[in-house]
Structure formats: C-alpha cells, structure tokens
C-alpha cells in the first residue's frame, strides 16, 4: 500500500498498468 511503488513499465504513460482486485472486491 505504500505510495509510488508501481513497477516499470507499468508506471509509464501509454502503458496499461494493472493493479489487483481482491476476491472481497
């Protein structure tokens, strides 16, 4: 949950960076 931890290349503009939704929505 820490801020600014998105990996690269997901953090670049023009790349669809995808996070994870839990089974509890």
PDBML (XML) file of the C-alpha atoms, coordinates in Angstrom:
<?xml version="1.0" encoding="UTF-8" ?>
<PDBx:datablock datablockName="MODEL"
   xmlns:PDBx="http://pdbml.pdb.org/schema/pdbx-v50.xsd"
   xmlns:xsi="http://www.w3.org/2001/XMLSchema-instance"
   xsi:schemaLocation="http://pdbml.pdb.org/schema/pdbx-v50.xsd pdbx-v50.xsd">
   <PDBx:atom_siteCategory>
      <PDBx:atom_site id="1">
         <PDBx:B_iso_or_equiv>0.00</PDBx:B_iso_or_equiv>
         <PDBx:Cartn_x>0.000</PDBx:Cartn_x>
         <PDBx:Cartn_y>0.000</PDBx:Cartn_y>
         <PDBx:Cartn_z>0.000</PDBx:Cartn_z>
         <PDBx:auth_asym_id>A</PDBx:auth_asym_id>
         <PDBx:auth_atom_id>CA</PDBx:auth_atom_id>
         <PDBx:auth_comp_id>UNK</PDBx:auth_comp_id>
         <PDBx:auth_seq_id>1</PDBx:auth_seq_id>
         <PDBx:group_PDB>ATOM</PDBx:group_PDB>
         <PDBx:label_alt_id xsi:nil="true" />
         <PDBx:label_asym_id>A</PDBx:label_asym_id>
         <PDBx:label_atom_id>CA</PDBx:label_atom_id>
         <PDBx:label_comp_id>UNK</PDBx:label_comp_id>
         <PDBx:label_entity_id>1</PDBx:label_entity_id>
         <PDBx:label_seq_id>1</PDBx:label_seq_id>
         <PDBx:occupancy>1.00</PDBx:occupancy>
         <PDBx:pdbx_PDB_model_num>1</PDBx:pdbx_PDB_model_num>
         <PDBx:type_symbol>C</PDBx:type_symbol>
      </PDBx:atom_site>
      <PDBx:atom_site id="2">
         <PDBx:B_iso_or_equiv>0.00</PDBx:B_iso_or_equiv>
         <PDBx:Cartn_x>2.929</PDBx:Cartn_x>
         <PDBx:Cartn_y>2.424</PDBx:Cartn_y>
         <PDBx:Cartn_z>0.017</PDBx:Cartn_z>
         <PDBx:auth_asym_id>A</PDBx:auth_asym_id>
         <PDBx:auth_atom_id>CA</PDBx:auth_atom_id>
         <PDBx:auth_comp_id>UNK</PDBx:auth_comp_id>
         <PDBx:auth_seq_id>2</PDBx:auth_seq_id>
         <PDBx:group_PDB>ATOM</PDBx:group_PDB>
         <PDBx:label_alt_id xsi:nil="true" />
         <PDBx:label_asym_id>A</PDBx:label_asym_id>
         <PDBx:label_atom_id>CA</PDBx:label_atom_id>
         <PDBx:label_comp_id>UNK</PDBx:label_comp_id>
         <PDBx:label_entity_id>1</PDBx:label_entity_id>
         <PDBx:label_seq_id>2</PDBx:label_seq_id>
         <PDBx:occupancy>1.00</PDBx:occupancy>
         <PDBx:pdbx_PDB_model_num>1</PDBx:pdbx_PDB_model_num>
         <PDBx:type_symbol>C</PDBx:type_symbol>
      </PDBx:atom_site>
      <PDBx:atom_site id="3">
         <PDBx:B_iso_or_equiv>0.00</PDBx:B_iso_or_equiv>
         <PDBx:Cartn_x>2.694</PDBx:Cartn_x>
         <PDBx:Cartn_y>5.271</PDBx:Cartn_y>
         <PDBx:Cartn_z>-2.478</PDBx:Cartn_z>
         <PDBx:auth_asym_id>A</PDBx:auth_asym_id>
         <PDBx:auth_atom_id>CA</PDBx:auth_atom_id>
         <PDBx:auth_comp_id>UNK</PDBx:auth_comp_id>
         <PDBx:auth_seq_id>3</PDBx:auth_seq_id>
         <PDBx:group_PDB>ATOM</PDBx:group_PDB>
         <PDBx:label_alt_id xsi:nil="true" />
         <PDBx:label_asym_id>A</PDBx:label_asym_id>
         <PDBx:label_atom_id>CA</PDBx:label_atom_id>
         <PDBx:label_comp_id>UNK</PDBx:label_comp_id>
         <PDBx:label_entity_id>1</PDBx:label_entity_id>
         <PDBx:label_seq_id>3</PDBx:label_seq_id>
         <PDBx:occupancy>1.00</PDBx:occupancy>
         <PDBx:pdbx_PDB_model_num>1</PDBx:pdbx_PDB_model_num>
         <PDBx:type_symbol>C</PDBx:type_symbol>
      </PDBx:atom_site>
      <PDBx:atom_site id="4">
         <PDBx:B_iso_or_equiv>0.00</PDBx:B_iso_or_equiv>
         <PDBx:Cartn_x>4.735</PDBx:Cartn_x>
         <PDBx:Cartn_y>5.355</PDBx:Cartn_y>
         <PDBx:Cartn_z>-5.685</PDBx:Cartn_z>
         <PDBx:auth_asym_id>A</PDBx:auth_asym_id>
         <PDBx:auth_atom_id>CA</PDBx:auth_atom_id>
         <PDBx:auth_comp_id>UNK</PDBx:auth_comp_id>
         <PDBx:auth_seq_id>4</PDBx:auth_seq_id>
         <PDBx:group_PDB>ATOM</PDBx:group_PDB>
         <PDBx:label_alt_id xsi:nil="true" />
         <PDBx:label_asym_id>A</PDBx:label_asym_id>
         <PDBx:label_atom_id>CA</PDBx:label_atom_id>
         <PDBx:label_comp_id>UNK</PDBx:label_comp_id>
         <PDBx:label_entity_id>1</PDBx:label_entity_id>
         <PDBx:label_seq_id>4</PDBx:label_seq_id>
         <PDBx:occupancy>1.00</PDBx:occupancy>
         <PDBx:pdbx_PDB_model_num>1</PDBx:pdbx_PDB_model_num>
         <PDBx:type_symbol>C</PDBx:type_symbol>
      </PDBx:atom_site>
      <PDBx:atom_site id="5">
         <PDBx:B_iso_or_equiv>0.00</PDBx:B_iso_or_equiv>
         <PDBx:Cartn_x>5.561</PDBx:Cartn_x>
         <PDBx:Cartn_y>1.646</PDBx:Cartn_y>
         <PDBx:Cartn_z>-5.726</PDBx:Cartn_z>
         <PDBx:auth_asym_id>A</PDBx:auth_asym_id>
         <PDBx:auth_atom_id>CA</PDBx:auth_atom_id>
         <PDBx:auth_comp_id>UNK</PDBx:auth_comp_id>
         <PDBx:auth_seq_id>5</PDBx:auth_seq_id>
         <PDBx:group_PDB>ATOM</PDBx:group_PDB>
         <PDBx:label_alt_id xsi:nil="true" />
         <PDBx:label_asym_id>A</PDBx:label_asym_id>
         <PDBx:label_atom_id>CA</PDBx:label_atom_id>
         <PDBx:label_comp_id>UNK</PDBx:label_comp_id>
         <PDBx:label_entity_id>1</PDBx:label_entity_id>
         <PDBx:label_seq_id>5</PDBx:label_seq_id>
         <PDBx:occupancy>1.00</PDBx:occupancy>
         <PDBx:pdbx_PDB_model_num>1</PDBx:pdbx_PDB_model_num>
         <PDBx:type_symbol>C</PDBx:type_symbol>
      </PDBx:atom_site>
      <PDBx:atom_site id="6">
         <PDBx:B_iso_or_equiv>0.00</PDBx:B_iso_or_equiv>
         <PDBx:Cartn_x>4.217</PDBx:Cartn_x>
         <PDBx:Cartn_y>0.776</PDBx:Cartn_y>
         <PDBx:Cartn_z>-9.204</PDBx:Cartn_z>
         <PDBx:auth_asym_id>A</PDBx:auth_asym_id>
         <PDBx:auth_atom_id>CA</PDBx:auth_atom_id>
         <PDBx:auth_comp_id>UNK</PDBx:auth_comp_id>
         <PDBx:auth_seq_id>6</PDBx:auth_seq_id>
         <PDBx:group_PDB>ATOM</PDBx:group_PDB>
         <PDBx:label_alt_id xsi:nil="true" />
         <PDBx:label_asym_id>A</PDBx:label_asym_id>
         <PDBx:label_atom_id>CA</PDBx:label_atom_id>
         <PDBx:label_comp_id>UNK</PDBx:label_comp_id>
         <PDBx:label_entity_id>1</PDBx:label_entity_id>
         <PDBx:label_seq_id>6</PDBx:label_seq_id>
         <PDBx:occupancy>1.00</PDBx:occupancy>
         <PDBx:pdbx_PDB_model_num>1</PDBx:pdbx_PDB_model_num>
         <PDBx:type_symbol>C</PDBx:type_symbol>
      </PDBx:atom_site>
      <PDBx:atom_site id="7">
         <PDBx:B_iso_or_equiv>0.00</PDBx:B_iso_or_equiv>
         <PDBx:Cartn_x>6.810</PDBx:Cartn_x>
         <PDBx:Cartn_y>-1.183</PDBx:Cartn_y>
         <PDBx:Cartn_z>-11.172</PDBx:Cartn_z>
         <PDBx:auth_asym_id>A</PDBx:auth_asym_id>
         <PDBx:auth_atom_id>CA</PDBx:auth_atom_id>
         <PDBx:auth_comp_id>UNK</PDBx:auth_comp_id>
         <PDBx:auth_seq_id>7</PDBx:auth_seq_id>
         <PDBx:group_PDB>ATOM</PDBx:group_PDB>
         <PDBx:label_alt_id xsi:nil="true" />
         <PDBx:label_asym_id>A</PDBx:label_asym_id>
         <PDBx:label_atom_id>CA</PDBx:label_atom_id>
         <PDBx:label_comp_id>UNK</PDBx:label_comp_id>
         <PDBx:label_entity_id>1</PDBx:label_entity_id>
         <PDBx:label_seq_id>7</PDBx:label_seq_id>
         <PDBx:occupancy>1.00</PDBx:occupancy>
         <PDBx:pdbx_PDB_model_num>1</PDBx:pdbx_PDB_model_num>
         <PDBx:type_symbol>C</PDBx:type_symbol>
      </PDBx:atom_site>
      <PDBx:atom_site id="8">
         <PDBx:B_iso_or_equiv>0.00</PDBx:B_iso_or_equiv>
         <PDBx:Cartn_x>8.106</PDBx:Cartn_x>
         <PDBx:Cartn_y>-0.320</PDBx:Cartn_y>
         <PDBx:Cartn_z>-14.627</PDBx:Cartn_z>
         <PDBx:auth_asym_id>A</PDBx:auth_asym_id>
         <PDBx:auth_atom_id>CA</PDBx:auth_atom_id>
         <PDBx:auth_comp_id>UNK</PDBx:auth_comp_id>
         <PDBx:auth_seq_id>8</PDBx:auth_seq_id>
         <PDBx:group_PDB>ATOM</PDBx:group_PDB>
         <PDBx:label_alt_id xsi:nil="true" />
         <PDBx:label_asym_id>A</PDBx:label_asym_id>
         <PDBx:label_atom_id>CA</PDBx:label_atom_id>
         <PDBx:label_comp_id>UNK</PDBx:label_comp_id>
         <PDBx:label_entity_id>1</PDBx:label_entity_id>
         <PDBx:label_seq_id>8</PDBx:label_seq_id>
         <PDBx:occupancy>1.00</PDBx:occupancy>
         <PDBx:pdbx_PDB_model_num>1</PDBx:pdbx_PDB_model_num>
         <PDBx:type_symbol>C</PDBx:type_symbol>
      </PDBx:atom_site>
      <PDBx:atom_site id="9">
         <PDBx:B_iso_or_equiv>0.00</PDBx:B_iso_or_equiv>
         <PDBx:Cartn_x>6.999</PDBx:Cartn_x>
         <PDBx:Cartn_y>-0.435</PDBx:Cartn_y>
         <PDBx:Cartn_z>-17.418</PDBx:Cartn_z>
         <PDBx:auth_asym_id>A</PDBx:auth_asym_id>
         <PDBx:auth_atom_id>CA</PDBx:auth_atom_id>
         <PDBx:auth_comp_id>UNK</PDBx:auth_comp_id>
         <PDBx:auth_seq_id>9</PDBx:auth_seq_id>
         <PDBx:group_PDB>ATOM</PDBx:group_PDB>
         <PDBx:label_alt_id xsi:nil="true" />
         <PDBx:label_asym_id>A</PDBx:label_asym_id>
         <PDBx:label_atom_id>CA</PDBx:label_atom_id>
         <PDBx:label_comp_id>UNK</PDBx:label_comp_id>
         <PDBx:label_entity_id>1</PDBx:label_entity_id>
         <PDBx:label_seq_id>9</PDBx:label_seq_id>
         <PDBx:occupancy>1.00</PDBx:occupancy>
         <PDBx:pdbx_PDB_model_num>1</PDBx:pdbx_PDB_model_num>
         <PDBx:type_symbol>C</PDBx:type_symbol>
      </PDBx:atom_site>
      <PDBx:atom_site id="10">
         <PDBx:B_iso_or_equiv>0.00</PDBx:B_iso_or_equiv>
         <PDBx:Cartn_x>3.517</PDBx:Cartn_x>
         <PDBx:Cartn_y>-0.266</PDBx:Cartn_y>
         <PDBx:Cartn_z>-15.768</PDBx:Cartn_z>
         <PDBx:auth_asym_id>A</PDBx:auth_asym_id>
         <PDBx:auth_atom_id>CA</PDBx:auth_atom_id>
         <PDBx:auth_comp_id>UNK</PDBx:auth_comp_id>
         <PDBx:auth_seq_id>10</PDBx:auth_seq_id>
         <PDBx:group_PDB>ATOM</PDBx:group_PDB>
         <PDBx:label_alt_id xsi:nil="true" />
         <PDBx:label_asym_id>A</PDBx:label_asym_id>
         <PDBx:label_atom_id>CA</PDBx:label_atom_id>
         <PDBx:label_comp_id>UNK</PDBx:label_comp_id>
         <PDBx:label_entity_id>1</PDBx:label_entity_id>
         <PDBx:label_seq_id>10</PDBx:label_seq_id>
         <PDBx:occupancy>1.00</PDBx:occupancy>
         <PDBx:pdbx_PDB_model_num>1</PDBx:pdbx_PDB_model_num>
         <PDBx:type_symbol>C</PDBx:type_symbol>
      </PDBx:atom_site>
      <PDBx:atom_site id="11">
         <PDBx:B_iso_or_equiv>0.00</PDBx:B_iso_or_equiv>
         <PDBx:Cartn_x>4.354</PDBx:Cartn_x>
         <PDBx:Cartn_y>3.181</PDBx:Cartn_y>
         <PDBx:Cartn_z>-14.355</PDBx:Cartn_z>
         <PDBx:auth_asym_id>A</PDBx:auth_asym_id>
         <PDBx:auth_atom_id>CA</PDBx:auth_atom_id>
         <PDBx:auth_comp_id>UNK</PDBx:auth_comp_id>
         <PDBx:auth_seq_id>11</PDBx:auth_seq_id>
         <PDBx:group_PDB>ATOM</PDBx:group_PDB>
         <PDBx:label_alt_id xsi:nil="true" />
         <PDBx:label_asym_id>A</PDBx:label_asym_id>
         <PDBx:label_atom_id>CA</PDBx:label_atom_id>
         <PDBx:label_comp_id>UNK</PDBx:label_comp_id>
         <PDBx:label_entity_id>1</PDBx:label_entity_id>
         <PDBx:label_seq_id>11</PDBx:label_seq_id>
         <PDBx:occupancy>1.00</PDBx:occupancy>
         <PDBx:pdbx_PDB_model_num>1</PDBx:pdbx_PDB_model_num>
         <PDBx:type_symbol>C</PDBx:type_symbol>
      </PDBx:atom_site>
      <PDBx:atom_site id="12">
         <PDBx:B_iso_or_equiv>0.00</PDBx:B_iso_or_equiv>
         <PDBx:Cartn_x>4.976</PDBx:Cartn_x>
         <PDBx:Cartn_y>4.726</PDBx:Cartn_y>
         <PDBx:Cartn_z>-17.780</PDBx:Cartn_z>
         <PDBx:auth_asym_id>A</PDBx:auth_asym_id>
         <PDBx:auth_atom_id>CA</PDBx:auth_atom_id>
         <PDBx:auth_comp_id>UNK</PDBx:auth_comp_id>
         <PDBx:auth_seq_id>12</PDBx:auth_seq_id>
         <PDBx:group_PDB>ATOM</PDBx:group_PDB>
         <PDBx:label_alt_id xsi:nil="true" />
         <PDBx:label_asym_id>A</PDBx:label_asym_id>
         <PDBx:label_atom_id>CA</PDBx:label_atom_id>
         <PDBx:label_comp_id>UNK</PDBx:label_comp_id>
         <PDBx:label_entity_id>1</PDBx:label_entity_id>
         <PDBx:label_seq_id>12</PDBx:label_seq_id>
         <PDBx:occupancy>1.00</PDBx:occupancy>
         <PDBx:pdbx_PDB_model_num>1</PDBx:pdbx_PDB_model_num>
         <PDBx:type_symbol>C</PDBx:type_symbol>
      </PDBx:atom_site>
      <PDBx:atom_site id="13">
         <PDBx:B_iso_or_equiv>0.00</PDBx:B_iso_or_equiv>
         <PDBx:Cartn_x>2.300</PDBx:Cartn_x>
         <PDBx:Cartn_y>6.793</PDBx:Cartn_y>
         <PDBx:Cartn_z>-19.529</PDBx:Cartn_z>
         <PDBx:auth_asym_id>A</PDBx:auth_asym_id>
         <PDBx:auth_atom_id>CA</PDBx:auth_atom_id>
         <PDBx:auth_comp_id>UNK</PDBx:auth_comp_id>
         <PDBx:auth_seq_id>13</PDBx:auth_seq_id>
         <PDBx:group_PDB>ATOM</PDBx:group_PDB>
         <PDBx:label_alt_id xsi:nil="true" />
         <PDBx:label_asym_id>A</PDBx:label_asym_id>
         <PDBx:label_atom_id>CA</PDBx:label_atom_id>
         <PDBx:label_comp_id>UNK</PDBx:label_comp_id>
         <PDBx:label_entity_id>1</PDBx:label_entity_id>
         <PDBx:label_seq_id>13</PDBx:label_seq_id>
         <PDBx:occupancy>1.00</PDBx:occupancy>
         <PDBx:pdbx_PDB_model_num>1</PDBx:pdbx_PDB_model_num>
         <PDBx:type_symbol>C</PDBx:type_symbol>
      </PDBx:atom_site>
      <PDBx:atom_site id="14">
         <PDBx:B_iso_or_equiv>0.00</PDBx:B_iso_or_equiv>
         <PDBx:Cartn_x>0.985</PDBx:Cartn_x>
         <PDBx:Cartn_y>4.976</PDBx:Cartn_y>
         <PDBx:Cartn_z>-22.578</PDBx:Cartn_z>
         <PDBx:auth_asym_id>A</PDBx:auth_asym_id>
         <PDBx:auth_atom_id>CA</PDBx:auth_atom_id>
         <PDBx:auth_comp_id>UNK</PDBx:auth_comp_id>
         <PDBx:auth_seq_id>14</PDBx:auth_seq_id>
         <PDBx:group_PDB>ATOM</PDBx:group_PDB>
         <PDBx:label_alt_id xsi:nil="true" />
         <PDBx:label_asym_id>A</PDBx:label_asym_id>
         <PDBx:label_atom_id>CA</PDBx:label_atom_id>
         <PDBx:label_comp_id>UNK</PDBx:label_comp_id>
         <PDBx:label_entity_id>1</PDBx:label_entity_id>
         <PDBx:label_seq_id>14</PDBx:label_seq_id>
         <PDBx:occupancy>1.00</PDBx:occupancy>
         <PDBx:pdbx_PDB_model_num>1</PDBx:pdbx_PDB_model_num>
         <PDBx:type_symbol>C</PDBx:type_symbol>
      </PDBx:atom_site>
      <PDBx:atom_site id="15">
         <PDBx:B_iso_or_equiv>0.00</PDBx:B_iso_or_equiv>
         <PDBx:Cartn_x>1.242</PDBx:Cartn_x>
         <PDBx:Cartn_y>1.606</PDBx:Cartn_y>
         <PDBx:Cartn_z>-20.816</PDBx:Cartn_z>
         <PDBx:auth_asym_id>A</PDBx:auth_asym_id>
         <PDBx:auth_atom_id>CA</PDBx:auth_atom_id>
         <PDBx:auth_comp_id>UNK</PDBx:auth_comp_id>
         <PDBx:auth_seq_id>15</PDBx:auth_seq_id>
         <PDBx:group_PDB>ATOM</PDBx:group_PDB>
         <PDBx:label_alt_id xsi:nil="true" />
         <PDBx:label_asym_id>A</PDBx:label_asym_id>
         <PDBx:label_atom_id>CA</PDBx:label_atom_id>
         <PDBx:label_comp_id>UNK</PDBx:label_comp_id>
         <PDBx:label_entity_id>1</PDBx:label_entity_id>
         <PDBx:label_seq_id>15</PDBx:label_seq_id>
         <PDBx:occupancy>1.00</PDBx:occupancy>
         <PDBx:pdbx_PDB_model_num>1</PDBx:pdbx_PDB_model_num>
         <PDBx:type_symbol>C</PDBx:type_symbol>
      </PDBx:atom_site>
      <PDBx:atom_site id="16">
         <PDBx:B_iso_or_equiv>0.00</PDBx:B_iso_or_equiv>
         <PDBx:Cartn_x>-1.835</PDBx:Cartn_x>
         <PDBx:Cartn_y>-0.012</PDBx:Cartn_y>
         <PDBx:Cartn_z>-19.274</PDBx:Cartn_z>
         <PDBx:auth_asym_id>A</PDBx:auth_asym_id>
         <PDBx:auth_atom_id>CA</PDBx:auth_atom_id>
         <PDBx:auth_comp_id>UNK</PDBx:auth_comp_id>
         <PDBx:auth_seq_id>16</PDBx:auth_seq_id>
         <PDBx:group_PDB>ATOM</PDBx:group_PDB>
         <PDBx:label_alt_id xsi:nil="true" />
         <PDBx:label_asym_id>A</PDBx:label_asym_id>
         <PDBx:label_atom_id>CA</PDBx:label_atom_id>
         <PDBx:label_comp_id>UNK</PDBx:label_comp_id>
         <PDBx:label_entity_id>1</PDBx:label_entity_id>
         <PDBx:label_seq_id>16</PDBx:label_seq_id>
         <PDBx:occupancy>1.00</PDBx:occupancy>
         <PDBx:pdbx_PDB_model_num>1</PDBx:pdbx_PDB_model_num>
         <PDBx:type_symbol>C</PDBx:type_symbol>
      </PDBx:atom_site>
      <PDBx:atom_site id="17">
         <PDBx:B_iso_or_equiv>0.00</PDBx:B_iso_or_equiv>
         <PDBx:Cartn_x>-0.637</PDBx:Cartn_x>
         <PDBx:Cartn_y>-0.587</PDBx:Cartn_y>
         <PDBx:Cartn_z>-15.708</PDBx:Cartn_z>
         <PDBx:auth_asym_id>A</PDBx:auth_asym_id>
         <PDBx:auth_atom_id>CA</PDBx:auth_atom_id>
         <PDBx:auth_comp_id>UNK</PDBx:auth_comp_id>
         <PDBx:auth_seq_id>17</PDBx:auth_seq_id>
         <PDBx:group_PDB>ATOM</PDBx:group_PDB>
         <PDBx:label_alt_id xsi:nil="true" />
         <PDBx:label_asym_id>A</PDBx:label_asym_id>
         <PDBx:label_atom_id>CA</PDBx:label_atom_id>
         <PDBx:label_comp_id>UNK</PDBx:label_comp_id>
         <PDBx:label_entity_id>1</PDBx:label_entity_id>
         <PDBx:label_seq_id>17</PDBx:label_seq_id>
         <PDBx:occupancy>1.00</PDBx:occupancy>
         <PDBx:pdbx_PDB_model_num>1</PDBx:pdbx_PDB_model_num>
         <PDBx:type_symbol>C</PDBx:type_symbol>
      </PDBx:atom_site>
      <PDBx:atom_site id="18">
         <PDBx:B_iso_or_equiv>0.00</PDBx:B_iso_or_equiv>
         <PDBx:Cartn_x>-2.875</PDBx:Cartn_x>
         <PDBx:Cartn_y>-3.043</PDBx:Cartn_y>
         <PDBx:Cartn_z>-13.851</PDBx:Cartn_z>
         <PDBx:auth_asym_id>A</PDBx:auth_asym_id>
         <PDBx:auth_atom_id>CA</PDBx:auth_atom_id>
         <PDBx:auth_comp_id>UNK</PDBx:auth_comp_id>
         <PDBx:auth_seq_id>18</PDBx:auth_seq_id>
         <PDBx:group_PDB>ATOM</PDBx:group_PDB>
         <PDBx:label_alt_id xsi:nil="true" />
         <PDBx:label_asym_id>A</PDBx:label_asym_id>
         <PDBx:label_atom_id>CA</PDBx:label_atom_id>
         <PDBx:label_comp_id>UNK</PDBx:label_comp_id>
         <PDBx:label_entity_id>1</PDBx:label_entity_id>
         <PDBx:label_seq_id>18</PDBx:label_seq_id>
         <PDBx:occupancy>1.00</PDBx:occupancy>
         <PDBx:pdbx_PDB_model_num>1</PDBx:pdbx_PDB_model_num>
         <PDBx:type_symbol>C</PDBx:type_symbol>
      </PDBx:atom_site>
      <PDBx:atom_site id="19">
         <PDBx:B_iso_or_equiv>0.00</PDBx:B_iso_or_equiv>
         <PDBx:Cartn_x>-3.455</PDBx:Cartn_x>
         <PDBx:Cartn_y>-3.371</PDBx:Cartn_y>
         <PDBx:Cartn_z>-10.112</PDBx:Cartn_z>
         <PDBx:auth_asym_id>A</PDBx:auth_asym_id>
         <PDBx:auth_atom_id>CA</PDBx:auth_atom_id>
         <PDBx:auth_comp_id>UNK</PDBx:auth_comp_id>
         <PDBx:auth_seq_id>19</PDBx:auth_seq_id>
         <PDBx:group_PDB>ATOM</PDBx:group_PDB>
         <PDBx:label_alt_id xsi:nil="true" />
         <PDBx:label_asym_id>A</PDBx:label_asym_id>
         <PDBx:label_atom_id>CA</PDBx:label_atom_id>
         <PDBx:label_comp_id>UNK</PDBx:label_comp_id>
         <PDBx:label_entity_id>1</PDBx:label_entity_id>
         <PDBx:label_seq_id>19</PDBx:label_seq_id>
         <PDBx:occupancy>1.00</PDBx:occupancy>
         <PDBx:pdbx_PDB_model_num>1</PDBx:pdbx_PDB_model_num>
         <PDBx:type_symbol>C</PDBx:type_symbol>
      </PDBx:atom_site>
      <PDBx:atom_site id="20">
         <PDBx:B_iso_or_equiv>0.00</PDBx:B_iso_or_equiv>
         <PDBx:Cartn_x>-5.027</PDBx:Cartn_x>
         <PDBx:Cartn_y>-6.300</PDBx:Cartn_y>
         <PDBx:Cartn_z>-8.260</PDBx:Cartn_z>
         <PDBx:auth_asym_id>A</PDBx:auth_asym_id>
         <PDBx:auth_atom_id>CA</PDBx:auth_atom_id>
         <PDBx:auth_comp_id>UNK</PDBx:auth_comp_id>
         <PDBx:auth_seq_id>20</PDBx:auth_seq_id>
         <PDBx:group_PDB>ATOM</PDBx:group_PDB>
         <PDBx:label_alt_id xsi:nil="true" />
         <PDBx:label_asym_id>A</PDBx:label_asym_id>
         <PDBx:label_atom_id>CA</PDBx:label_atom_id>
         <PDBx:label_comp_id>UNK</PDBx:label_comp_id>
         <PDBx:label_entity_id>1</PDBx:label_entity_id>
         <PDBx:label_seq_id>20</PDBx:label_seq_id>
         <PDBx:occupancy>1.00</PDBx:occupancy>
         <PDBx:pdbx_PDB_model_num>1</PDBx:pdbx_PDB_model_num>
         <PDBx:type_symbol>C</PDBx:type_symbol>
      </PDBx:atom_site>
      <PDBx:atom_site id="21">
         <PDBx:B_iso_or_equiv>0.00</PDBx:B_iso_or_equiv>
         <PDBx:Cartn_x>-8.646</PDBx:Cartn_x>
         <PDBx:Cartn_y>-6.528</PDBx:Cartn_y>
         <PDBx:Cartn_z>-7.068</PDBx:Cartn_z>
         <PDBx:auth_asym_id>A</PDBx:auth_asym_id>
         <PDBx:auth_atom_id>CA</PDBx:auth_atom_id>
         <PDBx:auth_comp_id>UNK</PDBx:auth_comp_id>
         <PDBx:auth_seq_id>21</PDBx:auth_seq_id>
         <PDBx:group_PDB>ATOM</PDBx:group_PDB>
         <PDBx:label_alt_id xsi:nil="true" />
         <PDBx:label_asym_id>A</PDBx:label_asym_id>
         <PDBx:label_atom_id>CA</PDBx:label_atom_id>
         <PDBx:label_comp_id>UNK</PDBx:label_comp_id>
         <PDBx:label_entity_id>1</PDBx:label_entity_id>
         <PDBx:label_seq_id>21</PDBx:label_seq_id>
         <PDBx:occupancy>1.00</PDBx:occupancy>
         <PDBx:pdbx_PDB_model_num>1</PDBx:pdbx_PDB_model_num>
         <PDBx:type_symbol>C</PDBx:type_symbol>
      </PDBx:atom_site>
      <PDBx:atom_site id="22">
         <PDBx:B_iso_or_equiv>0.00</PDBx:B_iso_or_equiv>
         <PDBx:Cartn_x>-9.189</PDBx:Cartn_x>
         <PDBx:Cartn_y>-8.964</PDBx:Cartn_y>
         <PDBx:Cartn_z>-4.197</PDBx:Cartn_z>
         <PDBx:auth_asym_id>A</PDBx:auth_asym_id>
         <PDBx:auth_atom_id>CA</PDBx:auth_atom_id>
         <PDBx:auth_comp_id>UNK</PDBx:auth_comp_id>
         <PDBx:auth_seq_id>22</PDBx:auth_seq_id>
         <PDBx:group_PDB>ATOM</PDBx:group_PDB>
         <PDBx:label_alt_id xsi:nil="true" />
         <PDBx:label_asym_id>A</PDBx:label_asym_id>
         <PDBx:label_atom_id>CA</PDBx:label_atom_id>
         <PDBx:label_comp_id>UNK</PDBx:label_comp_id>
         <PDBx:label_entity_id>1</PDBx:label_entity_id>
         <PDBx:label_seq_id>22</PDBx:label_seq_id>
         <PDBx:occupancy>1.00</PDBx:occupancy>
         <PDBx:pdbx_PDB_model_num>1</PDBx:pdbx_PDB_model_num>
         <PDBx:type_symbol>C</PDBx:type_symbol>
      </PDBx:atom_site>
      <PDBx:atom_site id="23">
         <PDBx:B_iso_or_equiv>0.00</PDBx:B_iso_or_equiv>
         <PDBx:Cartn_x>-11.916</PDBx:Cartn_x>
         <PDBx:Cartn_y>-11.576</PDBx:Cartn_y>
         <PDBx:Cartn_z>-4.043</PDBx:Cartn_z>
         <PDBx:auth_asym_id>A</PDBx:auth_asym_id>
         <PDBx:auth_atom_id>CA</PDBx:auth_atom_id>
         <PDBx:auth_comp_id>UNK</PDBx:auth_comp_id>
         <PDBx:auth_seq_id>23</PDBx:auth_seq_id>
         <PDBx:group_PDB>ATOM</PDBx:group_PDB>
         <PDBx:label_alt_id xsi:nil="true" />
         <PDBx:label_asym_id>A</PDBx:label_asym_id>
         <PDBx:label_atom_id>CA</PDBx:label_atom_id>
         <PDBx:label_comp_id>UNK</PDBx:label_comp_id>
         <PDBx:label_entity_id>1</PDBx:label_entity_id>
         <PDBx:label_seq_id>23</PDBx:label_seq_id>
         <PDBx:occupancy>1.00</PDBx:occupancy>
         <PDBx:pdbx_PDB_model_num>1</PDBx:pdbx_PDB_model_num>
         <PDBx:type_symbol>C</PDBx:type_symbol>
      </PDBx:atom_site>
      <PDBx:atom_site id="24">
         <PDBx:B_iso_or_equiv>0.00</PDBx:B_iso_or_equiv>
         <PDBx:Cartn_x>-13.613</PDBx:Cartn_x>
         <PDBx:Cartn_y>-9.321</PDBx:Cartn_y>
         <PDBx:Cartn_z>-1.474</PDBx:Cartn_z>
         <PDBx:auth_asym_id>A</PDBx:auth_asym_id>
         <PDBx:auth_atom_id>CA</PDBx:auth_atom_id>
         <PDBx:auth_comp_id>UNK</PDBx:auth_comp_id>
         <PDBx:auth_seq_id>24</PDBx:auth_seq_id>
         <PDBx:group_PDB>ATOM</PDBx:group_PDB>
         <PDBx:label_alt_id xsi:nil="true" />
         <PDBx:label_asym_id>A</PDBx:label_asym_id>
         <PDBx:label_atom_id>CA</PDBx:label_atom_id>
         <PDBx:label_comp_id>UNK</PDBx:label_comp_id>
         <PDBx:label_entity_id>1</PDBx:label_entity_id>
         <PDBx:label_seq_id>24</PDBx:label_seq_id>
         <PDBx:occupancy>1.00</PDBx:occupancy>
         <PDBx:pdbx_PDB_model_num>1</PDBx:pdbx_PDB_model_num>
         <PDBx:type_symbol>C</PDBx:type_symbol>
      </PDBx:atom_site>
      <PDBx:atom_site id="25">
         <PDBx:B_iso_or_equiv>0.00</PDBx:B_iso_or_equiv>
         <PDBx:Cartn_x>-13.966</PDBx:Cartn_x>
         <PDBx:Cartn_y>-6.596</PDBx:Cartn_y>
         <PDBx:Cartn_z>-4.152</PDBx:Cartn_z>
         <PDBx:auth_asym_id>A</PDBx:auth_asym_id>
         <PDBx:auth_atom_id>CA</PDBx:auth_atom_id>
         <PDBx:auth_comp_id>UNK</PDBx:auth_comp_id>
         <PDBx:auth_seq_id>25</PDBx:auth_seq_id>
         <PDBx:group_PDB>ATOM</PDBx:group_PDB>
         <PDBx:label_alt_id xsi:nil="true" />
         <PDBx:label_asym_id>A</PDBx:label_asym_id>
         <PDBx:label_atom_id>CA</PDBx:label_atom_id>
         <PDBx:label_comp_id>UNK</PDBx:label_comp_id>
         <PDBx:label_entity_id>1</PDBx:label_entity_id>
         <PDBx:label_seq_id>25</PDBx:label_seq_id>
         <PDBx:occupancy>1.00</PDBx:occupancy>
         <PDBx:pdbx_PDB_model_num>1</PDBx:pdbx_PDB_model_num>
         <PDBx:type_symbol>C</PDBx:type_symbol>
      </PDBx:atom_site>
   </PDBx:atom_siteCategory>
</PDBx:datablock>
